[in-house]
Amino acid sequence: MALARVTVWNAGDVLTAAAQNGEFNNILNNALSLISPLTGNLNCNTNQLTNLRLEALGTTATAANESRIYYQTAEDQVHVDDGAAIRRVPTISGVIRGDVIYASANNQFARLAVGAADRVLTSDGTDVAWVAPVAAATQAQMETATSTTTYVSPGRTQYHPGVAKVWGEWDNAGTINVSYNLTSITDTGVGDHTAVVGTDFSSANWSAQATGGSANSVVNIASKAAGTANIIGRDLSTDPPSPAAVIDLSVWNFVGFGDQA
């Protein structure tokens, strides 16, 4: 409340020492009443307000007074009134390197502690959380080819049943031009080559196809094992072509599909 007079003085009254001291003591003992409540702006003239404590409220005030600021004790956050909404200033304790500050329910700032090593930050559409990353598909998962929750890594792509496990091209001397998982070519005679697979199939039950680069010729797979395929080139230029003669070819091509060991 405003500071009140101790005595109302009239003309001719004598100011005694006691009365004067009483007036001064009234001012000294009630100095806050001289400025509180303010009826105008307080100009600090670029000077500091030291040891200032904000108003402490246990509940959030209704937005109505633009630029009002107070401390909300239930949230431990500074609130600023913009006249239409209460804005919260992050005042979160315990924040360390790697933490994430995000807006939680009611637009409050919250701290998400740094995640464990190799965790990734995800969202459920509302909030964020650290979760384990999607795992790479195992060999068994690649061979089953049904999972939609794992990812394919470059080192396991070959295990998928729809992917070739071995392929290559070579000349008649057995020199390999390009290949994958093809160790070598053995020239066992005229029109007779054996392809040696690097990582074997799990059994001899796998699909092999071969083609040749010479006109009027056909190539067939004579036999297979888990790690080899015997390929024969035959001449179709004779009439009739059967039984066709075995011939050398200028270029040989080969590919294999199946379950790998």
Protein backbone atom coordinates (compact mmCIF):
# COMPACT_ATOMS: atom_id res chain seq x y z
CA MET A 1 0.00 0.00 0.00
CA ALA A 2 1.07 3.64 -0.37
CA LEU A 3 3.11 5.34 2.34
CA ALA A 4 0.93 7.52 4.67
CA ARG A 5 1.78 10.63 6.68
CA VAL A 6 2.45 10.30 10.41
CA THR A 7 1.13 13.76 11.17
CA VAL A 8 -0.92 16.26 9.23
CA TRP A 9 0.76 19.61 9.86
CA ASN A 10 -1.08 22.88 10.13
CA ALA A 11 0.13 26.46 9.97
CA GLY A 12 1.81 27.53 13.20
CA ASP A 13 2.52 23.95 14.38
CA VAL A 14 5.91 23.50 16.01
CA LEU A 15 8.08 20.72 14.57
CA THR A 16 9.61 18.87 17.47
CA ALA A 17 12.55 16.52 17.26
CA ALA A 18 10.32 13.58 18.07
CA ALA A 19 7.87 14.46 15.30
CA GLN A 20 10.65 14.93 12.78
CA ASN A 21 12.23 11.62 13.74
CA GLY A 22 8.86 9.96 13.45
CA GLU A 23 8.40 11.24 9.91
CA PHE A 24 11.87 10.09 8.84
CA ASN A 25 11.47 6.71 10.55
CA ASN A 26 8.19 6.23 8.73
CA ILE A 27 10.02 6.63 5.42
CA LEU A 28 13.03 4.52 6.36
CA ASN A 29 10.96 1.71 7.81
CA ASN A 30 8.54 1.59 4.89
CA ALA A 31 10.81 2.39 1.96
CA LEU A 32 9.26 -0.32 -0.25
CA SER A 33 5.91 1.42 -0.01
CA LEU A 34 7.43 4.40 -1.83
CA ILE A 35 7.75 2.42 -5.06
CA SER A 36 5.34 -0.49 -4.67
CA PRO A 37 3.14 -0.77 -6.53
CA LEU A 38 4.61 1.21 -9.38
CA THR A 39 2.32 3.55 -11.22
CA GLY A 40 4.74 4.06 -14.11
CA ASN A 41 7.82 2.65 -15.76
CA LEU A 42 10.96 2.11 -13.71
CA ASN A 43 13.96 3.41 -15.67
CA CYS A 44 17.22 1.79 -14.61
CA ASN A 45 19.14 4.01 -17.02
CA THR A 46 21.28 1.07 -18.27
CA ASN A 47 22.10 0.04 -14.72
CA GLN A 48 21.69 -3.53 -13.46
CA LEU A 49 19.01 -4.96 -11.21
CA THR A 50 20.98 -7.27 -8.94
CA ASN A 51 19.72 -10.14 -6.76
CA LEU A 52 16.37 -10.01 -8.55
CA ARG A 53 13.92 -12.86 -7.92
CA LEU A 54 11.03 -13.53 -10.26
CA GLU A 55 7.50 -13.93 -9.01
CA ALA A 56 6.92 -17.61 -8.12
CA LEU A 57 3.61 -19.19 -9.14
CA GLY A 58 2.52 -22.75 -8.54
CA THR A 59 0.19 -22.78 -11.54
CA THR A 60 0.36 -21.36 -15.03
CA ALA A 61 -1.17 -17.90 -15.33
CA THR A 62 -3.74 -17.03 -17.96
CA ALA A 63 -2.20 -15.20 -20.89
CA ALA A 64 -3.34 -11.59 -20.82
CA ASN A 65 -0.42 -9.31 -19.93
CA GLU A 66 2.13 -9.13 -22.72
CA SER A 67 5.76 -9.21 -21.47
CA ARG A 68 4.86 -10.42 -17.98
CA ILE A 69 7.45 -12.88 -16.70
CA TYR A 70 7.32 -15.26 -13.74
CA TYR A 71 8.72 -18.59 -12.51
CA GLN A 72 6.38 -21.60 -12.58
CA THR A 73 7.44 -23.75 -9.62
CA ALA A 74 5.56 -26.93 -10.64
CA GLU A 75 7.38 -27.03 -14.00
CA ASP A 76 10.61 -25.38 -12.86
CA GLN A 77 10.46 -23.16 -15.91
CA VAL A 78 10.36 -19.47 -16.66
CA HIS A 79 7.08 -18.36 -18.26
CA VAL A 80 6.70 -15.37 -20.53
CA ASP A 81 3.26 -13.99 -21.38
CA ASP A 82 2.97 -12.76 -24.96
CA GLY A 83 -0.57 -11.60 -24.46
CA ALA A 84 -2.08 -14.58 -26.25
CA ALA A 85 -0.10 -17.57 -24.96
CA ILE A 86 2.35 -18.49 -22.23
CA ARG A 87 5.81 -19.16 -23.64
CA ARG A 88 8.13 -21.45 -21.69
CA VAL A 89 11.86 -20.79 -21.50
CA PRO A 90 14.08 -23.87 -21.14
CA THR A 91 15.51 -23.97 -17.64
CA ILE A 92 16.22 -27.69 -17.49
CA SER A 93 18.86 -28.80 -15.02
CA GLY A 94 21.25 -31.67 -15.61
CA VAL A 95 21.64 -31.15 -19.35
CA ILE A 96 24.86 -32.75 -20.61
CA ARG A 97 26.60 -33.25 -23.93
CA GLY A 98 24.49 -35.27 -26.37
CA ASP A 99 21.14 -34.58 -24.67
CA VAL A 100 18.15 -33.54 -26.79
CA ILE A 101 15.76 -30.77 -25.76
CA TYR A 102 12.28 -31.21 -27.22
CA ALA A 103 8.77 -29.89 -26.72
CA SER A 104 6.64 -32.30 -24.70
CA ALA A 105 2.93 -32.15 -23.86
CA ASN A 106 1.49 -28.67 -23.29
CA ASN A 107 4.46 -27.17 -25.15
CA GLN A 108 6.77 -27.74 -22.20
CA PHE A 109 10.48 -28.22 -22.79
CA ALA A 110 11.82 -31.60 -21.77
CA ARG A 111 15.21 -33.28 -21.71
CA LEU A 112 15.87 -36.55 -23.50
CA ALA A 113 19.09 -37.98 -22.11
CA VAL A 114 21.79 -38.93 -24.59
CA GLY A 115 21.16 -42.38 -26.04
CA ALA A 116 23.39 -45.40 -25.66
CA ALA A 117 26.06 -46.09 -28.26
CA ASP A 118 24.74 -46.91 -31.75
CA ARG A 119 21.14 -45.96 -30.87
CA VAL A 120 19.15 -43.84 -33.34
CA LEU A 121 16.63 -41.07 -32.71
CA THR A 122 13.12 -41.87 -33.91
CA SER A 123 9.64 -40.39 -33.66
CA ASP A 124 6.29 -42.07 -33.13
CA GLY A 125 4.59 -39.07 -34.66
CA THR A 126 4.19 -37.40 -31.28
CA ASP A 127 7.35 -37.79 -29.22
CA VAL A 128 10.97 -38.75 -29.83
CA ALA A 129 12.95 -41.64 -28.37
CA TRP A 130 16.22 -43.51 -28.74
CA VAL A 131 15.84 -47.00 -30.21
CA ALA A 132 18.08 -49.74 -31.53
CA PRO A 133 18.70 -49.41 -35.29
CA VAL A 134 17.19 -51.82 -37.78
CA ALA A 135 19.39 -54.89 -37.94
CA ALA A 136 21.02 -56.29 -41.07
CA ALA A 137 19.38 -59.43 -42.39
CA THR A 138 21.18 -62.66 -41.51
CA GLN A 139 22.02 -65.31 -44.09
CA ALA A 140 18.99 -67.31 -42.96
CA GLN A 141 16.68 -64.29 -43.31
CA MET A 142 18.03 -63.56 -46.78
CA GLU A 143 17.46 -67.17 -47.83
CA THR A 144 13.91 -67.16 -46.42
CA ALA A 145 13.25 -63.84 -48.20
CA THR A 146 10.18 -62.92 -46.10
CA SER A 147 11.36 -60.28 -43.61
CA THR A 148 10.25 -56.69 -44.17
CA THR A 149 11.79 -55.29 -40.98
CA THR A 150 15.49 -55.88 -41.71
CA TYR A 151 17.75 -54.30 -44.29
CA VAL A 152 19.94 -55.93 -46.90
CA SER A 153 23.65 -55.36 -46.38
CA PRO A 154 26.09 -55.56 -49.30
CA GLY A 155 27.85 -58.55 -47.76
CA ARG A 156 24.71 -60.71 -47.68
CA THR A 157 22.86 -59.78 -50.88
CA GLN A 158 24.07 -62.97 -52.58
CA TYR A 159 22.09 -65.15 -50.16
CA HIS A 160 18.71 -64.04 -51.54
CA PRO A 161 17.15 -66.78 -53.70
CA GLY A 162 16.52 -64.33 -56.52
CA VAL A 163 20.17 -63.31 -56.84
CA ALA A 164 22.79 -65.12 -58.91
CA LYS A 165 25.38 -66.88 -56.75
CA VAL A 166 27.93 -67.25 -59.51
CA TRP A 167 28.39 -65.90 -63.03
CA GLY A 168 31.15 -65.30 -65.52
CA GLU A 169 32.43 -65.00 -69.08
CA TRP A 170 35.63 -66.57 -70.42
CA ASP A 171 37.32 -67.37 -73.72
CA ASN A 172 38.03 -70.81 -75.16
CA ALA A 173 41.40 -70.94 -73.41
CA GLY A 174 39.66 -70.64 -70.05
CA THR A 175 40.78 -67.07 -69.38
CA ILE A 176 38.07 -65.37 -67.33
CA ASN A 177 37.08 -61.92 -68.60
CA VAL A 178 34.55 -60.93 -65.92
CA SER A 179 33.03 -62.95 -63.09
CA TYR A 180 31.55 -63.21 -59.62
CA ASN A 181 32.35 -66.12 -57.28
CA LEU A 182 33.96 -67.97 -60.17
CA THR A 183 37.38 -69.30 -59.11
CA SER A 184 38.66 -70.83 -62.34
CA ILE A 185 37.84 -72.60 -65.61
CA THR A 186 39.29 -76.01 -66.38
CA ASP A 187 39.60 -76.84 -70.10
CA THR A 188 39.28 -80.63 -70.12
CA GLY A 189 39.12 -81.07 -73.88
CA VAL A 190 37.52 -79.85 -77.09
CA GLY A 191 34.28 -78.08 -76.24
CA ASP A 192 34.48 -79.29 -72.64
CA HIS A 193 34.93 -76.79 -69.79
CA THR A 194 34.45 -77.11 -66.02
CA ALA A 195 33.57 -73.99 -64.04
CA VAL A 196 34.85 -74.00 -60.44
CA VAL A 197 32.66 -72.07 -58.01
CA GLY A 198 34.29 -70.03 -55.22
CA THR A 199 31.75 -70.41 -52.41
CA ASP A 200 29.95 -73.68 -53.06
CA PHE A 201 26.22 -74.26 -53.21
CA SER A 202 24.69 -76.21 -50.35
CA SER A 203 24.16 -79.21 -52.64
CA ALA A 204 24.22 -80.23 -56.29
CA ASN A 205 20.59 -79.13 -56.59
CA TRP A 206 20.99 -75.68 -58.11
CA SER A 207 20.07 -74.07 -61.42
CA ALA A 208 22.81 -73.46 -64.01
CA GLN A 209 22.53 -71.88 -67.46
CA ALA A 210 25.20 -71.40 -70.09
CA THR A 211 25.45 -69.83 -73.54
CA GLY A 212 28.13 -69.66 -76.21
CA GLY A 213 29.44 -67.00 -78.53
CA SER A 214 29.79 -69.02 -81.76
CA ALA A 215 27.25 -69.29 -84.56
CA ASN A 216 25.33 -72.54 -85.05
CA SER A 217 26.25 -73.78 -81.61
CA VAL A 218 24.52 -74.74 -78.38
CA VAL A 219 25.83 -75.03 -74.85
CA ASN A 220 24.47 -77.39 -72.24
CA ILE A 221 25.23 -78.28 -68.63
CA ALA A 222 26.46 -81.87 -68.66
CA SER A 223 26.74 -82.30 -64.88
CA LYS A 224 26.86 -80.37 -61.62
CA ALA A 225 28.27 -80.74 -58.13
CA ALA A 226 28.01 -78.32 -55.19
CA GLY A 227 31.11 -76.47 -56.39
CA THR A 228 31.50 -77.26 -60.10
CA ALA A 229 29.59 -77.32 -63.36
CA ASN A 230 30.65 -79.24 -66.48
CA ILE A 231 29.72 -77.28 -69.62
CA ILE A 232 29.73 -78.71 -73.14
CA GLY A 233 29.67 -76.82 -76.47
CA ARG A 234 28.08 -78.56 -79.44
CA ASP A 235 27.91 -77.92 -83.19
CA LEU A 236 24.47 -77.40 -84.73
CA SER A 237 25.69 -76.77 -88.27
CA THR A 238 25.48 -80.44 -89.32
CA ASP A 239 22.34 -81.78 -90.90
CA PRO A 240 20.86 -83.51 -89.08
CA PRO A 241 22.38 -81.89 -85.93
CA SER A 242 21.97 -84.87 -83.62
CA PRO A 243 24.17 -86.25 -82.31
CA ALA A 244 25.96 -82.89 -82.54
CA ALA A 245 29.72 -82.82 -82.50
CA VAL A 246 31.54 -81.24 -79.53
CA ILE A 247 33.27 -77.99 -80.57
CA ASP A 248 35.25 -75.15 -79.08
CA LEU A 249 33.52 -71.76 -78.72
CA SER A 250 34.99 -68.26 -78.91
CA VAL A 251 33.13 -67.06 -75.80
CA TRP A 252 31.47 -68.94 -72.92
CA ASN A 253 28.89 -67.49 -70.49
CA PHE A 254 27.59 -69.11 -67.33
CA VAL A 255 25.30 -68.25 -64.39
CA GLY A 256 24.08 -70.19 -61.36
CA PHE A 257 21.18 -69.74 -58.92
CA GLY A 258 20.38 -71.66 -55.76
CA ASP A 259 21.06 -72.03 -52.06
CA GLN A 260 24.63 -71.20 -51.07
CA ALA A 261 26.50 -73.04 -48.34
